[in-house]
């Protein structure tokens, strides 16, 4: 089972099984707007939204998993 790890917006660290991600929405930074990554998770967990560097790093981790499959 593969996991991604990132800072939780409310504090602490989160491990999310990629098997529980139903979709991911990434928007690159533009001007004063930070990068944004929204992870829609299955019914077991709430949606998670990440911003800035954390969003970019998590997106890259997802891309590596996608490209490796």
Protein backbone atom coordinates (compact mmCIF):
# COMPACT_ATOMS: atom_id res chain seq x y z
CA UNK A 1 0.00 0.00 0.00
CA UNK A 2 1.43 3.41 -0.97
CA UNK A 3 1.12 6.52 1.19
CA UNK A 4 1.88 10.20 0.78
CA UNK A 5 2.86 12.33 3.80
CA UNK A 6 2.40 16.05 4.33
CA UNK A 7 1.77 18.70 6.97
CA UNK A 8 -1.87 18.88 8.02
CA UNK A 9 -3.28 22.42 7.72
CA UNK A 10 -4.41 22.29 11.38
CA UNK A 11 -1.05 21.00 12.64
CA UNK A 12 0.81 17.71 12.76
CA UNK A 13 1.59 15.31 9.93
CA UNK A 14 -0.80 13.20 7.86
CA UNK A 15 -0.27 9.92 6.04
CA UNK A 16 -2.89 9.27 3.36
CA UNK A 17 -3.17 6.01 1.50
CA UNK A 18 -3.24 6.79 -2.21
CA UNK A 19 -5.94 4.12 -2.46
CA UNK A 20 -8.30 6.51 -0.62
CA UNK A 21 -7.77 9.47 -3.00
CA UNK A 22 -10.69 9.71 -5.41
CA UNK A 23 -9.39 12.83 -7.18
CA UNK A 24 -6.78 15.58 -6.88
CA UNK A 25 -7.10 19.16 -8.12
CA UNK A 26 -3.87 21.17 -8.52
CA UNK A 27 -3.55 24.85 -9.40
CA UNK A 28 -0.11 26.41 -9.97
CA UNK A 29 0.84 29.63 -8.24
CA UNK A 30 0.04 32.76 -10.21
CA UNK A 31 1.11 36.19 -8.98
CA UNK A 32 0.16 36.57 -5.33
CA UNK A 33 -1.96 33.39 -5.34
CA UNK A 34 -0.27 30.33 -3.82
CA UNK A 35 -0.34 26.90 -5.39
CA UNK A 36 -3.35 24.90 -4.23
CA UNK A 37 -3.96 21.16 -4.06
CA UNK A 38 -7.33 19.71 -3.12
CA UNK A 39 -7.50 15.99 -2.37
CA UNK A 40 -10.95 14.44 -2.52
CA UNK A 41 -10.92 11.36 -0.33
CA UNK A 42 -13.33 8.48 -0.13
CA UNK A 43 -16.13 8.41 2.43
CA UNK A 44 -13.72 7.42 5.23
CA UNK A 45 -12.03 10.84 5.36
CA UNK A 46 -12.70 14.53 4.74
CA UNK A 47 -11.31 16.54 1.84
CA UNK A 48 -7.85 18.04 2.44
CA UNK A 49 -6.67 21.32 0.90
CA UNK A 50 -2.96 22.23 0.86
CA UNK A 51 -1.34 25.50 -0.17
CA UNK A 52 2.06 26.76 -1.26
CA UNK A 53 5.16 24.59 -1.10
CA UNK A 54 3.29 21.76 0.67
CA UNK A 55 0.79 21.62 -2.22
CA UNK A 56 3.57 21.56 -4.80
CA UNK A 57 5.59 18.86 -3.02
CA UNK A 58 2.54 16.65 -2.50
CA UNK A 59 1.52 17.09 -6.15
CA UNK A 60 5.00 16.03 -7.26
CA UNK A 61 4.79 12.94 -5.01
CA UNK A 62 1.45 12.02 -6.61
CA UNK A 63 2.92 12.53 -10.09
CA UNK A 64 5.81 10.17 -9.28
CA UNK A 65 3.36 7.50 -8.12
CA UNK A 66 1.26 7.98 -11.26
CA UNK A 67 4.28 7.78 -13.56
CA UNK A 68 5.57 4.68 -11.75
CA UNK A 69 2.40 2.70 -12.34
